[in-house]
Amino acid sequence: MGGIVIKNVSATFGESDKAVHALGPVDLTVEAGEFVSLVGPSGAGKTTLLRILSGGCMPASGHVSCGDRSGRGRAVVFQEDRLLPWRSVLDNVAFALEIRGVNKRTRHAEAERCLELVGIADFKQRYPHELSGGMRQRANLARAFAIEPDVLLMDEPFAALDHQTREIMQFELLAIWERTRPTVLFVTHQIDEAVYLSDRLIVLSGRPGKIKADLPVELPRPRDLAIKREPDFHALVDHVWSLLEGDLHHQAMSLSKGRDGRSSAMNDLQSDPAAEPP
């Protein structure tokens, strides 16, 4: 089983004087079988780091190791389920195996096993438009687990779900992870979600995102949702919030100044019709 190693990684977008330093440098190791979450302000580079790990973009500096070299043991789960609307749930889950040349009987058997794992085997012949948001995300998880990944990269997979469904999906994800134990790097803006799921919690600063804190989550496993009512749980959530509060306040002030500047420029434009738009 593979882990994740991130060495001196940074990311920059754009060129010359318009370049934006989005991330880093970041050094991080996630041990095989560990569940680690990334939290930080918007624009801190969390998704960028996942894209680098998945091979979706190249870092400006540094290097990464994510699972085995082939990438065959790596799966990515996005916020959008990205199910193919013309394929049944079963064929969606089997899709990655089909691409790898696995025969139909074997890939359907594995897809059915994974649908059992996430609790929607009875809906295997339905199509995505016939499923609720929570069921679509279960199918998305089943598709990821069908390739038996060593490493699972998850980019806010539950962000579009209602609160109750999100809580249930957190519980079900942990139950599946306990049985299969892939290495997980999970991006979220929800601090309580990160604390509930994780062995460790990585707090990133505002842009460019750097590691502000690497916190162990010393809550007993297995965990049920009732642990969210425990004092130790709330204490860790509060501590993480305190680490993020300054960056979030600075971000809010910057956005406010940007809006104020835009409003001022528009007022000037309205008072001087000959002026150029801002």
Protein backbone atom coordinates (compact mmCIF):
# COMPACT_ATOMS: atom_id res chain seq x y z
CA MET A 1 0.00 0.00 0.00
CA GLY A 2 1.34 3.44 -0.95
CA GLY A 3 1.59 6.66 0.96
CA ILE A 4 2.04 10.28 -0.12
CA VAL A 5 5.26 12.30 -0.04
CA ILE A 6 5.29 16.01 -0.91
CA LYS A 7 8.72 17.66 -1.02
CA ASN A 8 9.21 21.44 -1.33
CA VAL A 9 6.18 21.79 -3.62
CA SER A 10 5.01 25.19 -4.79
CA ALA A 11 2.55 26.29 -7.48
CA THR A 12 2.44 29.49 -9.50
CA PHE A 13 -0.12 30.52 -12.10
CA GLY A 14 0.38 33.13 -14.81
CA GLU A 15 3.59 34.71 -16.02
CA SER A 16 5.99 37.54 -15.13
CA ASP A 17 4.46 40.43 -13.16
CA LYS A 18 0.96 38.87 -13.31
CA ALA A 19 2.03 35.55 -11.81
CA VAL A 20 0.12 34.39 -8.74
CA HIS A 21 2.02 32.37 -6.16
CA ALA A 22 -0.79 30.04 -5.08
CA LEU A 23 0.92 27.41 -2.95
CA GLY A 24 3.96 26.61 -0.96
CA PRO A 25 6.55 25.62 -0.45
CA VAL A 26 4.89 22.61 1.19
CA ASP A 27 6.50 19.51 2.73
CA LEU A 28 4.16 16.75 3.87
CA THR A 29 4.21 12.99 4.33
CA VAL A 30 1.05 10.92 4.65
CA GLU A 31 1.75 7.40 5.83
CA ALA A 32 0.19 4.39 4.13
CA GLY A 33 -3.33 3.82 5.45
CA GLU A 34 -3.53 7.23 7.12
CA PHE A 35 -6.51 9.58 6.79
CA VAL A 36 -5.34 13.20 6.58
CA SER A 37 -7.48 16.29 5.91
CA LEU A 38 -6.47 19.69 4.52
CA VAL A 39 -8.29 22.80 5.74
CA GLY A 40 -7.57 26.43 4.99
CA PRO A 41 -9.02 29.62 3.54
CA SER A 42 -10.36 29.72 -0.01
CA GLY A 43 -7.49 30.15 -2.44
CA ALA A 44 -4.95 28.52 -0.12
CA GLY A 45 -4.03 25.91 -2.75
CA LYS A 46 -5.80 22.87 -1.32
CA THR A 47 -7.34 21.77 -4.61
CA THR A 48 -4.16 22.74 -6.46
CA LEU A 49 -2.19 20.35 -4.27
CA LEU A 50 -4.64 17.54 -5.04
CA ARG A 51 -4.37 18.31 -8.76
CA ILE A 52 -0.57 18.06 -8.53
CA LEU A 53 -0.85 14.72 -6.72
CA SER A 54 -3.32 13.39 -9.30
CA GLY A 55 -1.13 14.48 -12.22
CA GLY A 56 -3.55 17.18 -13.32
CA CYS A 57 -0.93 19.94 -13.16
CA MET A 58 2.78 20.32 -12.56
CA PRO A 59 4.32 22.07 -9.55
CA ALA A 60 6.51 25.13 -10.06
CA SER A 61 9.06 23.48 -7.77
CA GLY A 62 9.53 20.30 -5.80
CA HIS A 63 8.22 16.80 -6.42
CA VAL A 64 5.57 14.39 -5.17
CA SER A 65 5.14 10.65 -4.76
CA CYS A 66 1.57 9.36 -4.61
CA GLY A 67 0.93 5.62 -4.42
CA ASP A 68 2.77 3.51 -6.94
CA ARG A 69 4.51 5.01 -9.96
CA SER A 70 1.92 3.82 -12.46
CA GLY A 71 -0.94 5.76 -10.86
CA ARG A 72 -3.15 2.65 -11.18
CA GLY A 73 -3.62 2.51 -7.43
CA ARG A 74 -4.78 6.14 -7.18
CA ALA A 75 -8.39 7.40 -7.31
CA VAL A 76 -9.82 10.91 -7.18
CA VAL A 77 -13.28 11.86 -5.87
CA PHE A 78 -14.50 15.35 -6.78
CA GLN A 79 -17.28 17.52 -5.38
CA GLU A 80 -19.29 16.82 -8.55
CA ASP A 81 -20.06 13.14 -8.98
CA ARG A 82 -19.21 13.20 -12.73
CA LEU A 83 -21.31 10.11 -13.42
CA LEU A 84 -21.93 9.41 -17.10
CA PRO A 85 -25.66 10.06 -17.67
CA TRP A 86 -26.05 7.45 -20.44
CA ARG A 87 -24.66 4.61 -18.33
CA SER A 88 -26.39 2.72 -15.55
CA VAL A 89 -25.07 2.98 -12.00
CA LEU A 90 -23.48 -0.46 -12.41
CA ASP A 91 -21.74 0.49 -15.64
CA ASN A 92 -20.59 3.82 -14.17
CA VAL A 93 -18.93 2.04 -11.26
CA ALA A 94 -17.39 -0.51 -13.64
CA PHE A 95 -16.11 2.16 -16.04
CA ALA A 96 -12.54 2.45 -14.74
CA LEU A 97 -12.18 -1.32 -14.82
CA GLU A 98 -13.53 -1.37 -18.38
CA ILE A 99 -10.86 1.15 -19.43
CA ARG A 100 -8.23 -1.16 -17.94
CA GLY A 101 -9.45 -4.03 -20.08
CA VAL A 102 -11.11 -6.06 -17.31
CA ASN A 103 -13.68 -8.47 -18.80
CA LYS A 104 -17.37 -7.73 -18.35
CA ARG A 105 -18.14 -10.53 -15.89
CA THR A 106 -15.26 -9.60 -13.58
CA ARG A 107 -15.81 -5.84 -13.68
CA HIS A 108 -19.56 -6.18 -13.03
CA ALA A 109 -18.88 -8.50 -10.09
CA GLU A 110 -16.44 -5.98 -8.62
CA ALA A 111 -18.83 -3.09 -9.28
CA GLU A 112 -21.64 -4.95 -7.50
CA ARG A 113 -19.34 -5.59 -4.53
CA CYS A 114 -18.57 -1.88 -4.27
CA LEU A 115 -22.24 -0.92 -4.60
CA GLU A 116 -22.97 -3.30 -1.71
CA LEU A 117 -20.21 -1.57 0.21
CA VAL A 118 -21.88 1.85 -0.14
CA GLY A 119 -25.41 0.51 0.30
CA ILE A 120 -27.01 1.10 -3.12
CA ALA A 121 -26.76 -2.32 -4.80
CA ASP A 122 -30.56 -2.33 -5.29
CA PHE A 123 -30.18 0.67 -7.63
CA LYS A 124 -27.51 -0.77 -9.90
CA GLN A 125 -29.69 -0.66 -13.02
CA ARG A 126 -30.89 2.91 -12.44
CA TYR A 127 -29.45 5.91 -14.23
CA PRO A 128 -27.85 8.94 -12.54
CA HIS A 129 -30.86 11.22 -13.08
CA GLU A 130 -32.99 8.75 -11.11
CA LEU A 131 -30.84 9.06 -7.97
CA SER A 132 -30.78 11.58 -5.12
CA GLY A 133 -27.65 13.65 -4.52
CA GLY A 134 -26.56 11.38 -1.68
CA MET A 135 -27.04 8.25 -3.77
CA ARG A 136 -25.09 9.75 -6.67
CA GLN A 137 -22.21 10.49 -4.31
CA ARG A 138 -22.38 6.92 -3.00
CA ALA A 139 -22.06 5.72 -6.59
CA ASN A 140 -19.12 8.10 -7.01
CA LEU A 141 -17.42 6.53 -3.98
CA ALA A 142 -18.16 3.02 -5.25
CA ARG A 143 -16.50 3.89 -8.56
CA ALA A 144 -13.39 5.08 -6.72
CA PHE A 145 -13.20 1.96 -4.54
CA ALA A 146 -13.75 -0.36 -7.53
CA ILE A 147 -10.11 0.00 -8.56
CA GLU A 148 -9.00 -0.87 -5.01
CA PRO A 149 -6.92 2.31 -4.67
CA ASP A 150 -3.87 2.56 -2.47
CA VAL A 151 -4.41 6.32 -2.39
CA LEU A 152 -7.72 8.18 -2.40
CA LEU A 153 -7.69 11.94 -3.13
CA MET A 154 -10.95 13.62 -2.14
CA ASP A 155 -11.80 17.22 -3.05
CA GLU A 156 -14.81 18.38 -0.98
CA PRO A 157 -16.85 15.34 -2.02
CA PHE A 158 -19.80 16.16 0.25
CA ALA A 159 -19.96 19.94 -0.22
CA ALA A 160 -23.07 19.87 -2.43
CA LEU A 161 -25.09 17.67 -0.04
CA ASP A 162 -27.60 18.82 2.57
CA HIS A 163 -26.42 18.74 6.18
CA GLN A 164 -28.11 15.47 7.20
CA THR A 165 -26.97 13.59 4.09
CA ARG A 166 -23.46 14.99 4.54
CA GLU A 167 -23.30 13.64 8.11
CA ILE A 168 -24.46 10.20 6.97
CA MET A 169 -21.92 10.15 4.14
CA GLN A 170 -19.12 11.04 6.57
CA PHE A 171 -20.09 8.08 8.75
CA GLU A 172 -20.32 5.73 5.76
CA LEU A 173 -16.98 6.89 4.35
CA LEU A 174 -15.29 6.12 7.66
CA ALA A 175 -16.92 2.69 7.79
CA ILE A 176 -15.62 1.86 4.31
CA TRP A 177 -12.17 3.27 5.09
CA GLU A 178 -11.97 1.17 8.26
CA ARG A 179 -12.52 -1.97 6.15
CA THR A 180 -10.26 -1.13 3.22
CA ARG A 181 -7.68 1.31 4.68
CA PRO A 182 -6.47 3.27 1.65
CA THR A 183 -4.32 6.32 2.24
CA VAL A 184 -6.67 9.33 2.11
CA LEU A 185 -5.96 13.03 1.55
CA PHE A 186 -9.26 14.87 2.03
CA VAL A 187 -9.93 18.54 1.25
CA THR A 188 -12.76 20.33 3.06
CA HIS A 189 -13.82 23.75 4.33
CA GLN A 190 -15.79 22.14 7.17
CA ILE A 191 -13.60 21.98 10.27
CA ASP A 192 -15.87 19.57 12.13
CA GLU A 193 -15.88 17.24 9.10
CA ALA A 194 -12.07 17.26 9.03
CA VAL A 195 -11.81 16.52 12.75
CA TYR A 196 -14.39 13.73 12.60
CA LEU A 197 -12.77 11.91 9.70
CA SER A 198 -9.05 12.34 10.23
CA ASP A 199 -6.00 10.90 11.92
CA ARG A 200 -4.21 14.20 11.27
CA LEU A 201 -5.35 17.62 10.25
CA ILE A 202 -3.18 19.94 8.13
CA VAL A 203 -4.02 23.65 8.48
CA LEU A 204 -2.92 25.82 5.55
CA SER A 205 -2.35 29.55 5.68
CA GLY A 206 -3.84 32.04 3.23
CA ARG A 207 -2.30 32.35 -0.23
CA PRO A 208 0.32 31.23 -0.87
CA GLY A 209 -0.78 28.22 1.14
CA LYS A 210 1.82 26.95 3.57
CA ILE A 211 1.46 24.51 6.43
CA LYS A 212 0.53 26.48 9.52
CA ALA A 213 -0.11 23.45 11.74
CA ASP A 214 0.02 19.66 11.59
CA LEU A 215 -2.37 18.42 14.29
CA PRO A 216 -2.97 14.86 15.45
CA VAL A 217 -6.63 13.96 16.01
CA GLU A 218 -6.46 11.89 19.16
CA LEU A 219 -10.06 10.74 19.21
CA PRO A 220 -10.80 7.01 19.55
CA ARG A 221 -11.71 4.89 16.54
CA PRO A 222 -14.06 3.60 15.33
CA ARG A 223 -16.06 6.86 15.52
CA ASP A 224 -19.77 7.38 15.32
CA LEU A 225 -21.49 10.71 14.86
CA ALA A 226 -22.15 11.06 18.60
CA ILE A 227 -18.47 11.91 19.08
CA LYS A 228 -19.24 15.35 17.62
CA ARG A 229 -20.99 16.19 20.89
CA GLU A 230 -17.93 15.40 23.02
CA PRO A 231 -15.93 18.22 24.69
CA ASP A 232 -12.61 17.01 23.21
CA PHE A 233 -14.12 17.18 19.73
CA HIS A 234 -15.34 20.75 20.23
CA ALA A 235 -12.02 21.78 21.76
CA LEU A 236 -10.12 20.66 18.65
CA VAL A 237 -12.64 22.33 16.31
CA ASP A 238 -12.22 25.58 18.27
CA HIS A 239 -8.43 25.30 18.15
CA VAL A 240 -8.43 24.85 14.38
CA TRP A 241 -10.81 27.77 14.00
CA SER A 242 -8.45 29.94 16.06
CA LEU A 243 -5.61 29.05 13.71
CA LEU A 244 -7.67 30.00 10.66
CA GLU A 245 -9.44 33.05 12.04
CA GLY A 246 -6.74 35.60 11.25
CA ASP A 247 -6.37 34.48 7.62
CA LEU A 248 -10.13 34.35 7.13
CA HIS A 249 -10.55 37.83 8.60
CA HIS A 250 -7.78 39.17 6.34
CA GLN A 251 -9.42 37.52 3.33
CA ALA A 252 -12.80 39.03 4.20
CA MET A 253 -11.26 42.50 4.61
CA SER A 254 -9.49 42.20 1.24
CA LEU A 255 -12.74 41.24 -0.47
CA SER A 256 -14.52 44.13 1.23
CA LYS A 257 -11.86 46.62 0.09
CA GLY A 258 -12.12 45.24 -3.43
CA ARG A 259 -15.88 45.78 -3.45
CA ASP A 260 -15.48 49.27 -1.95
CA GLY A 261 -12.92 50.19 -4.61
CA ARG A 262 -15.19 48.92 -7.35
CA SER A 263 -18.16 50.83 -5.91
CA SER A 264 -16.10 54.03 -5.68
CA ALA A 265 -14.96 53.65 -9.28
CA MET A 266 -18.52 53.05 -10.44
CA ASN A 267 -19.69 56.16 -8.54
CA ASP A 268 -16.99 58.19 -10.29
CA LEU A 269 -18.10 56.79 -13.61
CA GLN A 270 -21.72 57.72 -12.96
CA SER A 271 -20.76 61.29 -12.02
CA ASP A 272 -18.53 61.62 -15.13
CA PRO A 273 -20.16 60.00 -18.16
CA ALA A 274 -17.03 60.58 -20.23
CA ALA A 275 -14.88 58.52 -17.90
CA GLU A 276 -13.59 55.08 -18.93
CA PRO A 277 -15.07 52.06 -17.12
CA PRO A 278 -12.86 50.72 -14.27
